[in-house]
Amino acid sequence: MPPVVRLLAKRLGTSLIVLVGVSMLIFTIARVIPGDPARIALGPNATAEQVEALRERLHLDEALPIQYGYFLRDLSRGDLGISLYTNRPVTADIAQFLPATLELIVVAGLMMILIGLPLGVIAARYRGSWADHAVRIFTLLGVSAPSFVWAVILMLIFAFYLPLFPIAGRIADSYAIASVTGFLTIDTLIAGNLAAFGNAAWHIVLPAFALSLSGIGQAARLTRSNMVETYDKPFIEMARSYGFPERRIARRFAFRPSLIPSLTIIGLDFAAMLGNAFLVEAVFAWPGLSRYGVAVILRKDLNAIVGTVLIISAMFLLVNIIVDLLIAFINPRIRYSQRAS
């Protein structure tokens, strides 16, 4: 079996076990926290008979192991139940809200890579200069405040005082775009509406940048630190003695060995944004899954809570598997270790 396939099989097996554990944990927590979900869903004016009927429909009168058994039975059919918040299937809610969050974090992830890594390279190559100090100050500001603080600051500056960007939403109401993928930037291109594409892209810039600032700072700081350490290695001195230009040394000999820790942090930050995006989504009225997850938690919507957490957990594990495969591709020693095992 090829080493990468062996690594993928191990990661998939581990991820499946983790998902089962997460489902058991969140299923139990959602049912032991105070509050009657049936009463919360029906409101204070519902009769005792109506509440009892809903409790029976949700199997809340059964023991926890039996309730979990019903959940696994429905899950095997692709059924996550009905949301008490929207009165729709949870799978339909996830299908509606997940693409908006994925689109937001994909753009934020691209910003982390396209801004954070070059900043780290610049700071390391010109260490001790004004460029290095400017990058370090910028990255320190990025990691010192949470994303929702930057969301408010960016909105005040670039949407209120300098009305360059829209304040809220994914696209202007004047555009009617048929949903194909759920990604508005892609659906507008499919529809051939370049004006709508520009509008959707303009809407996503501020929330994505606010969400990515912390990751940009971490990626830049880690890249700089590792490249500075790499610059002191003997093979860099040997490359200089052969007369290689500094740009080539930075790109080919110093950056690649420093990429692995940065890539790991970017992957973790990217996966964590699935759960951390709710405050940015709330500030910019972004109709995503994270914002939906907070709403169902406040209403103790059991089916929606479990479904949302499972999807976020699965996406987190998927991103980590992709990062592990990328690292194995970049670092041959990992492939050889898999072959040896």
Protein backbone atom coordinates (compact mmCIF):
# COMPACT_ATOMS: atom_id res chain seq x y z
CA MET A 1 0.00 0.00 0.00
CA PRO A 2 1.42 3.46 -0.91
CA PRO A 3 2.51 5.51 2.12
CA VAL A 4 0.08 8.36 1.42
CA VAL A 5 -2.82 5.91 1.11
CA ARG A 6 -1.75 4.30 4.39
CA LEU A 7 -1.69 7.74 6.04
CA LEU A 8 -5.12 8.57 4.62
CA ALA A 9 -6.61 5.29 5.86
CA LYS A 10 -5.23 5.88 9.37
CA ARG A 11 -6.57 9.44 9.49
CA LEU A 12 -10.01 8.39 8.22
CA GLY A 13 -10.26 5.61 10.80
CA THR A 14 -9.23 7.94 13.61
CA SER A 15 -11.64 10.62 12.41
CA LEU A 16 -14.55 8.17 12.37
CA ILE A 17 -13.87 7.22 15.99
CA VAL A 18 -13.64 10.89 16.95
CA LEU A 19 -16.97 11.65 15.23
CA VAL A 20 -18.69 8.85 17.15
CA GLY A 21 -17.28 10.21 20.40
CA VAL A 22 -18.35 13.76 19.52
CA SER A 23 -21.86 12.60 18.67
CA MET A 24 -22.21 10.81 22.01
CA LEU A 25 -20.82 13.77 23.95
CA ILE A 26 -22.90 16.49 22.30
CA PHE A 27 -26.01 14.27 22.35
CA THR A 28 -25.67 13.83 26.10
CA ILE A 29 -24.83 17.47 26.85
CA ALA A 30 -27.76 18.76 24.77
CA ARG A 31 -30.16 16.67 26.84
CA VAL A 32 -28.84 17.21 30.35
CA ILE A 33 -28.59 21.01 30.27
CA PRO A 34 -31.48 22.68 32.14
CA GLY A 35 -34.68 23.47 30.27
CA ASP A 36 -37.43 21.50 28.61
CA PRO A 37 -36.87 21.68 24.82
CA ALA A 38 -40.52 20.84 24.15
CA ARG A 39 -41.75 23.70 26.36
CA ILE A 40 -39.17 26.09 24.87
CA ALA A 41 -40.22 25.15 21.35
CA LEU A 42 -43.97 25.49 21.95
CA GLY A 43 -43.81 28.58 24.14
CA PRO A 44 -45.44 29.40 27.48
CA ASN A 45 -48.98 29.36 26.08
CA ALA A 46 -48.90 25.70 25.02
CA THR A 47 -50.98 23.23 26.99
CA ALA A 48 -49.48 20.39 28.99
CA GLU A 49 -50.94 17.92 26.50
CA GLN A 50 -49.20 19.62 23.58
CA VAL A 51 -45.90 19.64 25.44
CA GLU A 52 -46.23 15.99 26.34
CA ALA A 53 -47.09 15.07 22.75
CA LEU A 54 -43.94 16.81 21.49
CA ARG A 55 -41.82 15.17 24.17
CA GLU A 56 -43.15 11.79 23.07
CA ARG A 57 -42.44 12.59 19.41
CA LEU A 58 -38.85 13.54 20.31
CA HIS A 59 -38.47 10.42 22.54
CA LEU A 60 -37.53 12.65 25.47
CA ASP A 61 -39.34 10.35 27.91
CA GLU A 62 -37.01 7.47 27.04
CA ALA A 63 -33.66 6.71 28.66
CA LEU A 64 -30.60 8.39 27.11
CA PRO A 65 -29.20 5.17 25.52
CA ILE A 66 -32.56 4.54 23.85
CA GLN A 67 -32.72 8.13 22.61
CA TYR A 68 -29.21 7.76 21.19
CA GLY A 69 -30.27 4.55 19.49
CA TYR A 70 -33.13 6.40 17.76
CA PHE A 71 -30.67 9.09 16.75
CA LEU A 72 -28.23 6.59 15.19
CA ARG A 73 -31.10 4.88 13.36
CA ASP A 74 -32.24 8.16 11.83
CA LEU A 75 -28.67 9.25 11.12
CA SER A 76 -28.02 6.07 9.13
CA ARG A 77 -30.86 7.17 6.84
CA GLY A 78 -29.45 10.67 6.47
CA ASP A 79 -32.14 12.10 8.72
CA LEU A 80 -31.13 14.56 11.43
CA GLY A 81 -34.70 15.25 12.51
CA ILE A 82 -36.84 18.37 12.42
CA SER A 83 -35.55 21.67 13.74
CA LEU A 84 -37.79 23.17 16.41
CA TYR A 85 -36.38 26.59 15.49
CA THR A 86 -37.22 26.62 11.76
CA ASN A 87 -39.73 23.74 11.69
CA ARG A 88 -37.80 22.28 8.75
CA PRO A 89 -35.52 19.23 8.40
CA VAL A 90 -32.13 19.95 9.93
CA THR A 91 -30.46 18.65 6.77
CA ALA A 92 -32.33 21.31 4.75
CA ASP A 93 -31.18 24.03 7.17
CA ILE A 94 -27.57 22.84 6.98
CA ALA A 95 -27.73 22.70 3.18
CA GLN A 96 -28.97 26.30 3.17
CA PHE A 97 -26.60 27.84 5.73
CA LEU A 98 -23.39 25.81 5.35
CA PRO A 99 -22.34 27.15 1.89
CA ALA A 100 -22.39 30.75 3.17
CA THR A 101 -20.03 29.90 6.04
CA LEU A 102 -17.80 27.76 3.82
CA GLU A 103 -17.54 30.57 1.27
CA LEU A 104 -16.60 33.00 4.03
CA ILE A 105 -13.90 30.82 5.56
CA VAL A 106 -12.49 29.76 2.18
CA VAL A 107 -11.91 33.42 1.28
CA ALA A 108 -10.52 34.04 4.79
CA GLY A 109 -8.21 31.04 4.38
CA LEU A 110 -6.95 32.34 1.05
CA MET A 111 -6.25 35.68 2.73
CA MET A 112 -4.26 33.90 5.44
CA ILE A 113 -2.11 32.20 2.81
CA LEU A 114 -1.75 35.07 0.33
CA ILE A 115 -1.09 37.71 2.99
CA GLY A 116 0.35 35.91 6.02
CA LEU A 117 3.02 33.81 4.30
CA PRO A 118 4.48 36.63 2.14
CA LEU A 119 4.55 38.94 5.16
CA GLY A 120 6.52 36.31 7.09
CA VAL A 121 8.94 35.88 4.19
CA ILE A 122 9.47 39.65 3.90
CA ALA A 123 10.03 40.03 7.64
CA ALA A 124 12.56 37.18 7.70
CA ARG A 125 14.44 38.30 4.59
CA TYR A 126 14.75 41.87 5.83
CA ARG A 127 14.99 41.12 9.55
CA GLY A 128 15.92 44.07 11.68
CA SER A 129 14.78 46.57 9.05
CA TRP A 130 11.76 48.86 9.08
CA ALA A 131 9.85 46.32 6.98
CA ASP A 132 10.44 43.64 9.62
CA HIS A 133 9.28 45.94 12.41
CA ALA A 134 6.19 47.02 10.45
CA VAL A 135 5.20 43.40 9.79
CA ARG A 136 5.73 42.45 13.43
CA ILE A 137 3.56 45.34 14.65
CA PHE A 138 0.82 44.47 12.16
CA THR A 139 0.83 40.79 13.10
CA LEU A 140 0.86 41.60 16.82
CA LEU A 141 -2.24 43.75 16.34
CA GLY A 142 -3.87 40.94 14.37
CA VAL A 143 -3.43 38.31 17.07
CA SER A 144 -4.06 40.59 20.05
CA ALA A 145 -7.78 41.15 19.41
CA PRO A 146 -10.53 38.64 18.60
CA SER A 147 -12.15 38.57 15.19
CA PHE A 148 -15.40 40.23 16.23
CA VAL A 149 -13.48 43.28 17.52
CA TRP A 150 -11.81 43.67 14.14
CA ALA A 151 -15.18 43.12 12.49
CA VAL A 152 -16.64 46.10 14.36
CA ILE A 153 -13.56 48.26 13.73
CA LEU A 154 -13.46 47.46 10.01
CA MET A 155 -17.19 48.07 9.68
CA LEU A 156 -16.94 51.46 11.39
CA ILE A 157 -13.97 52.57 9.27
CA PHE A 158 -14.65 51.11 5.83
CA ALA A 159 -18.44 50.78 5.81
CA PHE A 160 -19.62 53.71 7.97
CA TYR A 161 -17.04 56.54 7.99
CA LEU A 162 -15.59 55.58 4.59
CA PRO A 163 -18.51 53.90 2.79
CA LEU A 164 -16.34 51.75 0.55
CA PHE A 165 -17.83 48.38 1.44
CA PRO A 166 -21.38 47.19 2.19
CA ILE A 167 -22.37 46.81 5.82
CA ALA A 168 -24.29 43.55 5.86
CA GLY A 169 -25.49 40.58 3.84
CA ARG A 170 -23.99 38.54 1.02
CA ILE A 171 -25.29 40.43 -2.02
CA ALA A 172 -27.48 43.42 -2.82
CA ASP A 173 -31.23 42.78 -2.89
CA SER A 174 -31.41 44.00 -6.48
CA TYR A 175 -29.72 40.82 -7.73
CA ALA A 176 -31.73 37.61 -8.03
CA ILE A 177 -29.30 34.71 -8.44
CA ALA A 178 -30.46 31.09 -8.64
CA SER A 179 -28.72 28.92 -6.05
CA VAL A 180 -26.72 26.12 -7.68
CA THR A 181 -23.74 25.56 -5.39
CA GLY A 182 -24.72 27.89 -2.55
CA PHE A 183 -21.48 29.84 -3.12
CA LEU A 184 -22.67 33.20 -4.43
CA THR A 185 -19.34 34.01 -6.05
CA ILE A 186 -19.62 30.78 -8.05
CA ASP A 187 -23.37 30.97 -8.72
CA THR A 188 -23.04 34.48 -10.12
CA LEU A 189 -20.36 33.27 -12.53
CA ILE A 190 -22.54 30.32 -13.53
CA ALA A 191 -25.35 32.78 -14.22
CA GLY A 192 -22.93 34.88 -16.27
CA ASN A 193 -23.71 37.98 -14.21
CA LEU A 194 -20.36 39.73 -13.68
CA ALA A 195 -21.97 42.70 -11.95
CA ALA A 196 -23.54 40.36 -9.38
CA PHE A 197 -20.20 38.56 -8.98
CA GLY A 198 -18.46 41.84 -8.23
CA ASN A 199 -21.15 42.77 -5.74
CA ALA A 200 -20.94 39.39 -3.96
CA ALA A 201 -17.14 39.58 -3.87
CA TRP A 202 -17.31 43.13 -2.48
CA HIS A 203 -19.68 41.97 0.28
CA ILE A 204 -17.32 39.22 1.42
CA VAL A 205 -14.09 41.25 1.68
CA LEU A 206 -14.63 42.86 5.10
CA PRO A 207 -16.03 39.84 7.01
CA ALA A 208 -13.41 37.52 5.52
CA PHE A 209 -10.56 39.92 6.35
CA ALA A 210 -11.83 40.37 9.92
CA LEU A 211 -12.06 36.60 10.31
CA SER A 212 -8.59 36.02 8.86
CA LEU A 213 -6.61 38.71 10.72
CA SER A 214 -5.66 36.49 13.64
CA GLY A 215 -4.62 33.69 11.28
CA ILE A 216 -2.64 36.13 9.13
CA GLY A 217 -0.76 37.27 12.20
CA GLN A 218 0.01 33.75 13.38
CA ALA A 219 1.07 32.55 9.93
CA ALA A 220 3.35 35.57 9.40
CA ARG A 221 4.95 35.35 12.85
CA LEU A 222 5.55 31.60 12.60
CA THR A 223 6.89 31.84 9.04
CA ARG A 224 9.28 34.61 10.06
CA SER A 225 10.47 32.73 13.13
CA ASN A 226 11.13 29.50 11.22
CA MET A 227 12.78 31.25 8.28
CA VAL A 228 15.08 33.22 10.58
CA GLU A 229 16.11 29.92 12.16
CA THR A 230 16.55 28.34 8.72
CA TYR A 231 18.74 31.23 7.53
CA ASP A 232 21.31 30.22 10.16
CA LYS A 233 21.61 26.68 8.79
CA PRO A 234 24.81 25.63 6.95
CA PHE A 235 23.06 24.86 3.67
CA ILE A 236 21.96 28.51 3.39
CA GLU A 237 25.57 29.63 3.74
CA MET A 238 26.54 27.09 1.11
CA ALA A 239 23.87 28.43 -1.26
CA ARG A 240 25.21 31.95 -0.75
CA SER A 241 28.75 30.78 -1.39
CA TYR A 242 27.60 29.39 -4.74
CA GLY A 243 26.31 32.83 -5.65
CA PHE A 244 22.56 32.18 -5.62
CA PRO A 245 20.54 35.41 -5.47
CA GLU A 246 18.86 36.18 -2.15
CA ARG A 247 15.41 36.00 -3.69
CA ARG A 248 16.02 32.43 -4.84
CA ILE A 249 17.54 31.46 -1.50
CA ALA A 250 14.50 32.83 0.33
CA ARG A 251 12.00 31.17 -1.99
CA ARG A 252 13.65 27.81 -2.62
CA PHE A 253 15.93 27.04 0.32
CA ALA A 254 14.54 28.93 3.33
CA PHE A 255 10.80 29.09 2.72
CA ARG A 256 9.99 25.46 1.99
CA PRO A 257 11.46 23.98 5.21
CA SER A 258 9.64 26.73 7.13
CA LEU A 259 6.32 26.06 5.43
CA ILE A 260 5.36 22.93 7.37
CA PRO A 261 4.73 24.58 10.80
CA SER A 262 2.98 27.51 9.10
CA LEU A 263 0.80 25.16 7.07
CA THR A 264 -0.19 23.30 10.24
CA ILE A 265 -1.22 26.53 11.97
CA ILE A 266 -3.12 27.74 8.90
CA GLY A 267 -4.97 24.42 8.76
CA LEU A 268 -5.90 24.59 12.44
CA ASP A 269 -7.01 28.22 12.13
CA PHE A 270 -9.02 27.41 9.00
CA ALA A 271 -10.80 24.55 10.76
CA ALA A 272 -11.37 26.61 13.92
CA MET A 273 -13.05 29.35 11.87
CA LEU A 274 -15.99 27.01 11.29
CA GLY A 275 -16.92 27.38 14.93
CA ASN A 276 -15.52 30.87 15.56
CA ALA A 277 -17.21 32.61 12.64
CA PHE A 278 -20.52 33.17 14.45
CA LEU A 279 -19.53 36.55 15.94
CA VAL A 280 -18.31 37.87 12.59
CA GLU A 281 -21.46 36.52 10.96
CA ALA A 282 -23.54 38.26 13.61
CA VAL A 283 -21.78 41.61 13.08
CA PHE A 284 -22.16 41.50 9.29
CA ALA A 285 -25.57 39.76 9.30
CA TRP A 286 -24.01 36.91 7.34
CA PRO A 287 -26.55 34.06 6.99
CA GLY A 288 -24.15 31.22 7.77
CA LEU A 289 -24.15 27.97 9.71
CA SER A 290 -22.26 29.38 12.70
CA ARG A 291 -24.90 32.06 13.25
CA TYR A 292 -27.61 29.42 12.84
CA GLY A 293 -25.84 27.22 15.39
CA VAL A 294 -25.91 29.95 18.03
CA ALA A 295 -29.61 30.55 17.40
CA VAL A 296 -30.52 26.87 17.86
CA ILE A 297 -28.37 26.59 21.00
CA LEU A 298 -30.21 29.51 22.60
CA ARG A 299 -33.51 27.77 21.83
CA LYS A 300 -32.25 24.33 22.90
CA ASP A 301 -33.15 22.88 19.53
CA LEU A 302 -31.76 19.38 20.16
CA ASN A 303 -31.76 18.02 16.62
CA ALA A 304 -30.28 21.18 15.14
CA ILE A 305 -27.61 21.41 17.86
CA VAL A 306 -26.39 17.86 17.29
CA GLY A 307 -26.54 18.21 13.51
CA THR A 308 -24.64 21.50 13.47
CA VAL A 309 -21.91 20.29 15.82
CA LEU A 310 -21.48 17.07 13.84
CA ILE A 311 -21.09 18.95 10.58
CA ILE A 312 -18.58 21.40 12.08
CA SER A 313 -16.65 18.50 13.65
CA ALA A 314 -16.60 16.59 10.36
CA MET A 315 -15.33 19.65 8.50
CA PHE A 316 -12.67 20.22 11.18
CA LEU A 317 -11.44 16.63 10.82
CA LEU A 318 -11.54 16.84 7.01
CA VAL A 319 -9.38 19.97 7.01
CA ASN A 320 -6.87 18.30 9.32
CA ILE A 321 -6.69 15.26 7.03
CA ILE A 322 -6.03 17.54 4.03
CA VAL A 323 -3.30 19.36 5.96
CA ASP A 324 -1.66 16.06 6.95
CA LEU A 325 -1.64 14.96 3.31
CA LEU A 326 -0.15 18.28 2.18
CA ILE A 327 2.56 18.05 4.83
CA ALA A 328 3.32 14.47 3.78
CA PHE A 329 3.62 15.69 0.19
CA ILE A 330 5.99 18.52 1.18
CA ASN A 331 8.08 16.55 3.69
CA PRO A 332 9.44 13.24 2.30
CA ARG A 333 10.45 12.08 5.78
CA ILE A 334 6.77 11.65 6.70
CA ARG A 335 6.19 9.49 3.62
CA TYR A 336 9.20 7.38 4.47
CA SER A 337 8.06 6.98 8.09
CA GLN A 338 4.66 5.77 6.86
CA ARG A 339 6.39 3.29 4.56
CA ALA A 340 8.57 2.04 7.42
CA SER A 341 5.56 1.58 9.69
